Amino acid sequence: MTGVQTPAAATHWLLLDVPGAPRMAALLQDQFVGLRCFWLFEGTELHPLREQGPALVELRDQAQLLERCYAEPRAWQGLLLESDASVAQLLAHLRRMLMVSVGLHHRALLNYYNPHCASYFFDACDAEELTRWLGPISQLRWFGGTWADLAIGSQGWQQLVNPQLPVSPLAIEENLSVRQQERLQCCLLEQHTWHWSRSTGTDYNRLWSHVQEGLALGFSERPVLDDWLWLRLQCPDALPEQAFLPGLSQRERLEHLRRFWQGDFP
């Protein structure tokens, strides 16, 4: 009989979002002996910031740490990966994912290792895009959700399985699709709304409706949008009107609306 060679079991990894869990990197070295850990920014253009960036932690023979990742997901922020690729192959792919192109002339760091960002970004990928972005990763898990989910307390475990379709490999500085850009922009706006909700004690959904209202009125510049939110909270019963007055900047239109609502016209 000819023996059948079974494939090696996939290795589990933790891609720790060190900026989101700054104490955990030090805790890893103190409590887990013989742990293999790799700074993701090492050897890249972000090398000087490597210890402020994410860390890839091998969970092979680290059952206790893996259990803690599942038991205390808010403390061990990041992504849990499964892959049968070599360390070098996995690191090369994860590092290639870091820098992306937005349109024709802009480069950006994609912090996909952050659970909030992951909840928006991977949601914007179709099956072919997901295959390309996951590459040698067979499964991906994280605890989180959108900022709106956080606001209403409905975060949970997310899981993606690589569709493994025949696709071209991820390009250097892969260009983000329109859908991916839209979802990442939504992430930034919802994060901003969440911080506003926390700092003002205002219901998140109410604030989000005000953000959408302000954008519809043309207040897309962040300082103007913030001032619009303050005005809207001060004038909750005012009826929004179109503020697209000819020849005026966003700031001037907002000032016109403020004076109209507060009765400051001469």
Protein backbone atom coordinates (compact mmCIF):
# COMPACT_ATOMS: atom_id res chain seq x y z
CA MET A 1 0.00 0.00 0.00
CA THR A 2 1.14 3.52 -0.72
CA GLY A 3 0.88 5.83 2.25
CA VAL A 4 -1.21 8.97 1.89
CA GLN A 5 0.56 12.10 3.06
CA THR A 6 -1.82 14.40 4.92
CA PRO A 7 -1.21 18.13 4.80
CA ALA A 8 0.28 19.79 7.84
CA ALA A 9 -2.23 21.33 10.21
CA ALA A 10 -2.62 25.07 9.91
CA THR A 11 -0.76 27.16 12.48
CA HIS A 12 -2.69 29.62 14.62
CA TRP A 13 -1.41 33.19 14.89
CA LEU A 14 -2.39 36.33 16.74
CA LEU A 15 -1.86 39.58 14.86
CA LEU A 16 -1.91 41.83 17.92
CA ASP A 17 -3.02 45.42 17.42
CA VAL A 18 -0.37 46.85 19.75
CA PRO A 19 -1.61 50.47 19.40
CA GLY A 20 -5.04 49.29 20.57
CA ALA A 21 -3.63 47.06 23.34
CA PRO A 22 -0.31 48.68 24.37
CA ARG A 23 0.18 46.68 27.58
CA MET A 24 -0.24 43.29 25.95
CA ALA A 25 3.08 43.25 24.07
CA ALA A 26 5.04 43.61 27.32
CA LEU A 27 2.79 41.07 29.01
CA LEU A 28 3.54 38.53 26.29
CA GLN A 29 7.26 38.64 27.00
CA ASP A 30 6.75 38.47 30.76
CA GLN A 31 4.24 35.62 30.99
CA PHE A 32 4.84 33.37 27.98
CA VAL A 33 8.26 31.73 27.71
CA GLY A 34 9.66 30.87 24.28
CA LEU A 35 7.07 32.88 22.41
CA ARG A 36 7.88 33.66 18.77
CA CYS A 37 6.89 37.23 17.98
CA PHE A 38 7.54 39.35 14.88
CA TRP A 39 7.07 43.11 14.49
CA LEU A 40 5.04 43.62 11.33
CA PHE A 41 6.61 46.99 10.49
CA GLU A 42 10.14 45.57 10.74
CA GLY A 43 12.05 45.85 7.46
CA THR A 44 9.43 48.12 5.90
CA GLU A 45 9.36 51.89 5.43
CA LEU A 46 7.66 51.98 8.84
CA HIS A 47 10.61 50.24 10.51
CA PRO A 48 11.38 53.13 12.93
CA LEU A 49 7.86 52.66 14.36
CA ARG A 50 8.03 48.88 14.53
CA GLU A 51 7.39 48.64 18.29
CA GLN A 52 4.37 50.93 17.97
CA GLY A 53 2.92 48.76 15.20
CA PRO A 54 1.24 45.33 15.18
CA ALA A 55 2.99 42.15 16.28
CA LEU A 56 2.52 38.70 14.77
CA VAL A 57 2.55 36.09 17.53
CA GLU A 58 2.82 32.36 16.84
CA LEU A 59 0.29 30.38 18.90
CA ARG A 60 1.72 26.94 18.14
CA ASP A 61 2.19 25.19 21.50
CA GLN A 62 0.59 28.22 23.19
CA ALA A 63 -2.82 26.78 24.08
CA GLN A 64 -3.08 28.94 27.21
CA LEU A 65 -2.55 32.16 25.24
CA LEU A 66 -5.04 31.08 22.57
CA GLU A 67 -7.61 30.41 25.30
CA ARG A 68 -7.00 33.86 26.76
CA CYS A 69 -7.47 35.48 23.35
CA TYR A 70 -10.94 33.93 23.17
CA ALA A 71 -11.78 34.52 26.83
CA GLU A 72 -10.57 38.16 26.94
CA PRO A 73 -10.99 39.41 23.36
CA ARG A 74 -11.18 43.11 24.31
CA ALA A 75 -7.80 42.88 26.04
CA TRP A 76 -6.09 40.92 23.24
CA GLN A 77 -7.21 43.17 20.40
CA GLY A 78 -6.28 42.00 16.95
CA LEU A 79 -6.89 39.23 14.43
CA LEU A 80 -6.63 35.48 14.89
CA LEU A 81 -5.22 33.81 11.78
CA GLU A 82 -4.90 30.25 10.54
CA SER A 83 -2.35 29.51 7.83
CA ASP A 84 -0.22 26.61 6.67
CA ALA A 85 2.27 28.97 4.99
CA SER A 86 5.80 29.45 6.25
CA VAL A 87 6.56 32.34 8.59
CA ALA A 88 8.39 34.16 5.79
CA GLN A 89 5.48 33.76 3.36
CA LEU A 90 2.90 34.89 5.89
CA LEU A 91 4.93 37.90 7.00
CA ALA A 92 5.59 38.94 3.40
CA HIS A 93 1.86 38.87 2.62
CA LEU A 94 0.81 40.71 5.78
CA ARG A 95 3.42 43.38 5.12
CA ARG A 96 2.26 43.76 1.52
CA MET A 97 -1.24 44.48 2.85
CA LEU A 98 -0.03 47.48 4.85
CA MET A 99 0.41 50.11 2.13
CA VAL A 100 -2.38 50.74 -0.37
CA SER A 101 -3.18 53.16 -3.17
CA VAL A 102 -6.26 55.35 -3.03
CA GLY A 103 -7.06 56.66 -6.47
CA LEU A 104 -4.16 57.66 -8.71
CA HIS A 105 -1.96 59.77 -6.46
CA HIS A 106 -2.48 58.83 -2.82
CA ARG A 107 -0.83 56.20 -0.62
CA ALA A 108 -2.11 55.18 2.79
CA LEU A 109 -1.48 52.78 5.65
CA LEU A 110 -4.29 50.23 5.88
CA ASN A 111 -4.59 49.28 9.55
CA TYR A 112 -6.53 46.13 8.74
CA TYR A 113 -5.09 44.56 11.91
CA ASN A 114 -7.41 46.78 13.97
CA PRO A 115 -10.71 44.96 14.67
CA HIS A 116 -12.80 48.04 13.91
CA CYS A 117 -11.09 48.64 10.57
CA ALA A 118 -11.31 44.93 9.72
CA SER A 119 -15.07 44.98 10.30
CA TYR A 120 -15.50 47.60 7.57
CA PHE A 121 -12.72 46.69 5.16
CA PHE A 122 -13.33 42.95 4.76
CA ASP A 123 -17.07 43.58 4.57
CA ALA A 124 -16.35 45.55 1.38
CA CYS A 125 -14.58 42.63 -0.34
CA ASP A 126 -16.29 40.26 -2.75
CA ALA A 127 -15.17 36.62 -2.98
CA GLU A 128 -12.35 37.31 -5.48
CA GLU A 129 -11.07 40.30 -3.52
CA LEU A 130 -11.24 38.34 -0.29
CA THR A 131 -9.18 35.54 -1.84
CA ARG A 132 -6.55 38.04 -2.97
CA TRP A 133 -6.39 39.90 0.35
CA LEU A 134 -6.31 36.80 2.53
CA GLY A 135 -3.69 35.10 0.37
CA PRO A 136 -2.07 32.35 2.49
CA ILE A 137 -4.54 32.90 5.35
CA SER A 138 -7.13 30.11 5.40
CA GLN A 139 -9.31 31.55 8.18
CA LEU A 140 -9.55 34.90 9.91
CA ARG A 141 -11.35 35.71 13.18
CA TRP A 142 -11.69 38.78 15.34
CA PHE A 143 -13.93 40.12 18.07
CA GLY A 144 -15.57 43.39 17.14
CA GLY A 145 -17.91 45.02 14.69
CA THR A 146 -18.66 48.53 13.50
CA TRP A 147 -18.56 51.62 15.69
CA ALA A 148 -22.36 51.58 15.56
CA ASP A 149 -22.26 48.01 16.90
CA LEU A 150 -20.03 49.19 19.75
CA ALA A 151 -22.43 52.03 20.55
CA ILE A 152 -25.37 49.65 21.02
CA GLY A 153 -23.36 46.85 22.64
CA SER A 154 -23.73 44.30 19.85
CA GLN A 155 -20.10 43.40 19.10
CA GLY A 156 -19.26 39.74 18.61
CA TRP A 157 -16.94 37.26 16.95
CA GLN A 158 -16.46 37.69 13.21
CA GLN A 159 -15.11 34.91 10.97
CA LEU A 160 -13.96 34.77 7.37
CA VAL A 161 -12.96 31.69 5.38
CA ASN A 162 -10.73 32.13 2.34
CA PRO A 163 -12.81 31.28 -0.78
CA GLN A 164 -9.53 30.23 -2.48
CA LEU A 165 -10.65 31.27 -5.95
CA PRO A 166 -8.15 31.44 -8.83
CA VAL A 167 -7.03 35.08 -8.67
CA SER A 168 -3.89 37.10 -9.25
CA PRO A 169 -1.79 37.70 -6.12
CA LEU A 170 -2.12 40.89 -4.15
CA ALA A 171 -0.33 43.74 -5.90
CA ILE A 172 2.26 45.97 -4.29
CA GLU A 173 0.24 48.90 -2.97
CA GLU A 174 -3.01 47.35 -4.12
CA ASN A 175 -5.50 49.95 -5.30
CA LEU A 176 -8.58 50.09 -3.08
CA SER A 177 -11.92 49.66 -4.79
CA VAL A 178 -14.58 52.36 -4.58
CA ARG A 179 -16.59 50.15 -2.23
CA GLN A 180 -13.58 49.63 0.05
CA GLN A 181 -12.89 53.37 0.15
CA GLU A 182 -16.53 54.07 0.99
CA ARG A 183 -16.57 51.58 3.84
CA LEU A 184 -13.32 52.92 5.29
CA GLN A 185 -14.66 56.47 5.07
CA CYS A 186 -17.77 55.26 6.88
CA CYS A 187 -15.49 53.76 9.55
CA LEU A 188 -13.87 57.16 10.16
CA LEU A 189 -17.22 58.98 10.30
CA GLU A 190 -18.80 56.43 12.64
CA GLN A 191 -15.72 56.49 14.88
CA HIS A 192 -15.92 60.27 15.04
CA THR A 193 -19.62 60.06 15.89
CA TRP A 194 -18.92 57.51 18.62
CA HIS A 195 -16.35 59.81 20.26
CA TRP A 196 -18.83 62.69 20.06
CA SER A 197 -21.47 60.50 21.66
CA ARG A 198 -19.13 59.58 24.51
CA SER A 199 -17.91 63.12 25.14
CA THR A 200 -21.34 64.80 25.01
CA GLY A 201 -23.51 62.04 26.47
CA THR A 202 -25.72 62.18 23.37
CA ASP A 203 -27.40 59.11 21.92
CA TYR A 204 -25.25 57.68 19.13
CA ASN A 205 -28.10 57.21 16.64
CA ARG A 206 -29.26 60.78 17.17
CA LEU A 207 -25.74 62.08 16.51
CA TRP A 208 -25.35 59.87 13.45
CA SER A 209 -28.55 61.31 11.99
CA HIS A 210 -27.11 64.80 12.56
CA VAL A 211 -23.88 63.79 10.79
CA GLN A 212 -25.86 62.56 7.79
CA GLU A 213 -27.92 65.75 7.85
CA GLY A 214 -24.79 67.90 7.88
CA LEU A 215 -23.22 66.00 5.01
CA ALA A 216 -26.43 66.39 3.00
CA LEU A 217 -26.16 70.15 3.57
CA GLY A 218 -22.63 70.10 2.15
CA PHE A 219 -20.63 70.33 5.40
CA SER A 220 -17.97 67.75 4.48
CA GLU A 221 -14.91 69.54 5.91
CA ARG A 222 -14.26 68.01 9.35
CA PRO A 223 -13.98 71.32 11.34
CA VAL A 224 -17.16 72.63 9.70
CA LEU A 225 -18.97 69.33 10.33
CA ASP A 226 -17.96 69.49 13.99
CA ASP A 227 -19.27 73.04 14.31
CA TRP A 228 -22.47 71.93 12.58
CA LEU A 229 -22.92 69.21 15.21
CA TRP A 230 -22.53 71.75 18.02
CA LEU A 231 -25.07 74.02 16.36
CA ARG A 232 -27.51 71.15 15.79
CA LEU A 233 -27.31 70.08 19.43
CA GLN A 234 -27.96 73.67 20.52
CA CYS A 235 -30.95 73.98 18.14
CA PRO A 236 -32.60 70.53 18.30
CA ASP A 237 -36.02 71.77 17.15
CA ALA A 238 -34.83 73.86 14.21
CA LEU A 239 -35.90 72.73 10.76
CA PRO A 240 -32.92 72.03 8.50
CA GLU A 241 -32.91 73.98 5.28
CA GLN A 242 -30.73 73.85 2.23
CA ALA A 243 -27.59 75.84 2.96
CA PHE A 244 -26.18 75.79 -0.59
CA LEU A 245 -26.08 79.58 -1.01
CA PRO A 246 -24.27 80.72 -4.19
CA GLY A 247 -20.67 81.87 -3.81
CA LEU A 248 -20.33 80.96 -0.13
CA SER A 249 -17.83 78.57 1.42
CA GLN A 250 -18.91 75.77 3.75
CA ARG A 251 -17.94 77.92 6.73
CA GLU A 252 -19.93 80.89 5.42
CA ARG A 253 -22.98 78.74 4.73
CA LEU A 254 -22.85 77.33 8.25
CA GLU A 255 -22.56 80.83 9.72
CA HIS A 256 -25.58 81.91 7.65
CA LEU A 257 -27.55 78.95 9.00
CA ARG A 258 -26.46 79.68 12.58
CA ARG A 259 -27.58 83.28 12.34
CA PHE A 260 -30.88 82.22 10.79
CA TRP A 261 -31.59 79.64 13.51
CA GLN A 262 -30.48 81.86 16.39
CA GLY A 263 -32.16 85.00 15.08
CA ASP A 264 -28.94 87.01 14.80
CA PHE A 265 -29.76 88.73 11.51
CA PRO A 266 -29.62 92.54 11.74
